[in-house]
Protein backbone atom coordinates (compact mmCIF):
# COMPACT_ATOMS: atom_id res chain seq x y z
CA MET A 1 0.23 -11.80 16.50
CA THR A 2 3.63 -10.47 15.66
CA LEU A 3 4.15 -8.20 12.69
CA GLN A 4 7.18 -9.04 10.63
CA THR A 5 7.88 -6.46 7.98
CA PRO A 6 10.06 -8.12 5.36
CA GLN A 7 13.21 -6.26 4.44
CA PRO A 8 12.95 -4.77 0.96
CA PRO A 9 15.57 -5.78 -1.57
CA PRO A 10 18.61 -3.46 -1.57
CA SER A 11 17.78 -2.36 -5.13
CA ALA A 12 14.37 -1.07 -3.93
CA LEU A 13 15.93 1.02 -1.19
CA ARG A 14 18.59 2.34 -3.59
CA ALA A 15 15.88 3.36 -6.06
CA VAL A 16 14.03 5.36 -3.38
CA LEU A 17 17.18 7.02 -2.08
CA GLY A 18 18.15 7.90 -5.65
CA ALA A 19 14.73 9.52 -6.21
CA LEU A 20 15.08 11.55 -3.02
CA ASP A 21 18.36 12.92 -4.42
CA SER A 22 16.92 13.57 -7.89
CA GLU A 23 15.73 17.08 -8.73
CA THR A 24 13.74 15.61 -11.62
CA ALA A 25 11.86 13.13 -9.39
CA LEU A 26 11.22 15.81 -6.78
CA ARG A 27 9.49 17.96 -9.43
CA GLN A 28 6.54 15.57 -9.47
CA PRO A 29 3.41 17.26 -8.07
CA ALA A 30 3.03 14.62 -5.34
CA ALA A 31 6.56 15.44 -4.14
CA ALA A 32 5.74 19.07 -3.28
CA ALA A 33 6.05 18.39 0.47
CA LEU A 34 9.54 16.96 -0.07
CA ARG A 35 11.04 19.99 -1.83
CA HIS A 36 11.66 22.05 1.30
CA PRO A 37 12.20 19.55 4.11
CA THR A 38 12.60 20.58 7.71
CA GLY A 39 14.87 17.63 8.40
CA PRO A 40 16.40 14.67 6.61
CA LEU A 41 14.09 12.77 4.25
CA LEU A 42 14.11 9.11 5.25
CA PRO A 43 12.30 6.14 3.74
CA ALA A 44 10.39 4.18 6.39
CA HIS A 45 7.78 1.42 6.72
CA PRO A 46 8.56 -0.49 3.49
CA LEU A 47 5.57 -2.50 2.31
CA ALA A 48 5.49 -4.94 -0.58
CA VAL A 49 2.82 -3.84 -3.05
CA HIS A 50 0.54 -6.51 -4.50
CA VAL A 51 -2.13 -6.01 -7.16
CA LEU A 52 -5.30 -8.06 -7.38
CA ASP A 53 -7.06 -7.64 -10.68
CA GLY A 54 -8.56 -9.95 -13.22
CA PRO A 55 -11.28 -12.55 -12.83
CA ARG A 56 -9.96 -14.42 -9.74
CA PRO A 57 -10.59 -12.61 -6.44
CA GLU A 58 -8.22 -14.86 -4.51
CA LEU A 59 -5.18 -13.69 -2.58
CA PRO A 60 -2.84 -16.27 -4.16
CA ALA A 61 -3.62 -14.58 -7.51
CA ALA A 62 -2.28 -11.23 -6.26
CA ARG A 63 1.00 -10.36 -7.95
CA ARG A 64 3.76 -8.37 -6.32
CA THR A 65 4.63 -5.32 -8.39
CA GLY A 66 7.12 -3.52 -6.15
CA TRP A 67 7.51 -1.71 -2.83
CA ARG A 68 6.07 1.43 -1.26
CA PHE A 69 8.02 3.42 1.32
CA LEU A 70 6.59 6.16 3.49
CA ILE A 71 8.92 9.16 3.33
CA LYS A 72 9.47 10.89 6.65
CA ASP A 73 10.49 14.51 7.00
CA GLY A 74 11.71 14.44 10.58
CA THR A 75 8.95 12.67 12.49
CA GLU A 76 6.12 13.40 10.03
CA VAL A 77 5.22 11.38 6.93
CA ALA A 78 5.33 13.77 3.98
CA ALA A 79 4.84 11.45 0.99
CA ALA A 80 5.24 7.90 -0.21
CA ALA A 81 7.60 6.59 -2.87
CA GLU A 82 6.84 3.56 -4.99
CA VAL A 83 9.35 1.41 -6.82
CA VAL A 84 8.55 -1.31 -9.35
CA GLN A 85 10.38 -4.47 -10.24
CA SER A 86 12.54 -4.18 -13.33
CA ALA A 87 15.20 -6.15 -15.14
CA GLU A 88 17.86 -4.29 -13.10
CA GLY A 89 16.16 -5.02 -9.78
CA HIS A 90 13.89 -2.10 -8.89
CA THR A 91 13.22 1.28 -10.49
CA PHE A 92 11.65 4.36 -8.95
CA SER A 93 8.11 4.80 -10.25
CA HIS A 94 6.48 7.78 -8.53
CA PHE A 95 5.77 9.73 -5.37
CA THR A 96 2.28 9.82 -3.90
CA ALA A 97 0.54 12.15 -1.49
CA GLY A 98 -2.99 12.41 -0.19
CA PRO A 99 -5.26 10.54 2.20
CA TYR A 100 -3.68 7.10 1.75
CA LEU A 101 -0.53 8.29 3.57
CA HIS A 102 -2.21 8.89 6.91
CA SER A 103 -4.58 6.01 6.34
CA THR A 104 -1.60 3.66 5.89
CA ILE A 105 -0.09 4.88 9.17
CA ARG A 106 -3.41 4.39 10.93
CA ALA A 107 -3.80 0.87 9.50
CA LEU A 108 -0.25 -0.02 10.60
CA ARG A 109 -1.07 1.18 14.13
CA GLU A 110 -4.23 -0.93 14.10
CA ALA A 111 -2.18 -3.92 12.94
CA TRP A 112 0.27 -3.41 15.83
CA GLN A 113 -2.65 -3.28 18.27
CA LEU A 114 -4.00 -6.55 16.83
CA ALA A 115 -0.53 -8.01 17.22
CA GLN A 116 -0.70 -7.50 20.98
CA SER A 117 -3.65 -9.87 21.38
CA SER A 118 -2.70 -12.77 19.10
CA ARG A 119 0.02 -15.36 18.73
CA SER A 120 -0.15 -15.50 14.93
CA ARG A 121 2.70 -14.21 12.81
CA ARG A 122 1.68 -11.74 10.09
CA GLN A 123 3.45 -9.84 7.33
CA PRO A 124 1.98 -6.43 6.44
CA ARG A 125 1.65 -5.79 2.71
CA LEU A 126 -0.29 -3.35 0.56
CA LEU A 127 -2.98 -4.83 -1.66
CA THR A 128 -4.42 -2.66 -4.41
CA PHE A 129 -7.57 -3.19 -6.45
CA PRO A 130 -7.17 -1.00 -9.56
CA GLY A 131 -10.72 -1.55 -10.83
CA GLN A 132 -12.16 -0.28 -7.55
CA TYR A 133 -9.63 2.44 -6.72
CA ALA A 134 -9.15 0.67 -3.41
CA THR A 135 -6.16 -0.24 -1.25
CA ALA A 136 -5.95 -2.37 1.88
CA LEU A 137 -3.28 -3.30 4.36
CA TRP A 138 -2.99 -7.06 3.91
CA LEU A 139 -1.93 -8.93 7.03
CA HIS A 140 -0.60 -12.12 5.47
CA SER A 141 -0.14 -15.19 7.65
CA PRO A 142 2.86 -17.12 6.25
CA ASP A 143 2.27 -20.02 8.67
CA ALA A 144 -1.33 -20.71 7.57
CA ASP A 145 -3.43 -20.79 4.44
CA ALA A 146 -4.96 -17.66 2.90
CA SER A 147 -8.13 -18.07 4.99
CA ALA A 148 -6.18 -16.76 8.01
CA ASP A 149 -5.24 -13.50 6.26
CA LEU A 150 -6.81 -10.21 7.33
CA LEU A 151 -7.44 -7.03 5.34
CA ILE A 152 -7.71 -3.50 6.70
CA PRO A 153 -9.21 -1.25 3.98
CA LEU A 154 -7.58 2.16 3.75
CA ALA A 155 -9.60 5.37 3.60
CA PRO A 156 -11.09 6.40 1.32
CA ALA A 157 -12.70 3.00 0.87
CA PRO A 158 -15.19 2.05 -1.86
CA LEU A 159 -18.90 2.40 -1.17
CA GLY A 160 -20.11 -0.39 1.09
CA VAL A 161 -16.69 -1.04 2.65
CA THR A 162 -15.80 0.28 6.10
CA ALA A 163 -12.28 1.70 6.22
CA HIS A 164 -9.98 0.72 9.09
CA ARG A 165 -11.97 -2.30 10.17
CA ALA A 166 -9.89 -5.50 10.05
CA ARG A 167 -11.83 -8.34 8.49
CA PRO A 168 -10.97 -11.81 7.24
CA ALA A 169 -9.86 -11.60 3.63
CA ALA A 170 -12.43 -14.19 2.53
CA GLU A 171 -15.20 -11.96 3.91
CA LEU A 172 -13.92 -8.68 2.47
CA LEU A 173 -12.57 -9.73 -0.94
CA PRO A 174 -16.01 -10.17 -2.56
CA LEU A 175 -16.81 -6.56 -1.64
CA LEU A 176 -13.50 -5.22 -2.96
CA VAL A 177 -13.36 -7.08 -6.26
CA ARG A 178 -16.94 -6.69 -7.40
CA THR A 179 -17.68 -5.50 -10.93
CA PRO A 180 -15.33 -2.68 -11.98
CA LEU A 181 -16.66 0.80 -11.59
CA ALA A 182 -18.93 1.92 -14.39
CA ARG A 183 -17.65 4.63 -16.67
CA PRO A 184 -19.22 7.99 -15.87
CA LEU A 185 -21.91 9.18 -18.27
CA LEU A 186 -21.16 12.36 -20.14
CA LEU A 187 -23.87 14.98 -20.36
CA GLY A 188 -25.86 14.49 -23.51
CA SER A 189 -24.82 10.85 -23.94
CA SER A 190 -26.91 7.79 -23.41
């Protein structure tokens, strides 16, 4: 398998670079690690972001909403920046921090290892499941139908799903798109 990361549109890269130069954007809480860099802040590993919500748990129903870039401070990933599609091309949305950063890097490494033992061509993408608070690295196979696609759930994964274990999408999707999480009960309510 070879991994072919599609090049993001120029407007997506411009939006991220603009945010890295914006004092207002860098005031976001998730951008704390970017405020005092030890080296140049560089966007890396662009991944198209797709969302799968609604009643159809099928990959063709996933809609692309934008791009996520990991932001490197020297050699370390310090945050991620997400841009969304807009009428002008792409607009900066927000910075993120937390466990998904290192989990994304780990999933990309796993995808590269899988690439060494296969002849298939795959495109890494991020697939989010808002109702489950879940994200997976989606290894899309552009030369085959959706049944050839693999998903690597990122940690933290929902209950019943093993993070960082590549599985066929058809096998994993039913676990990731099950009934949305129940609302928490408040004390004293029924």
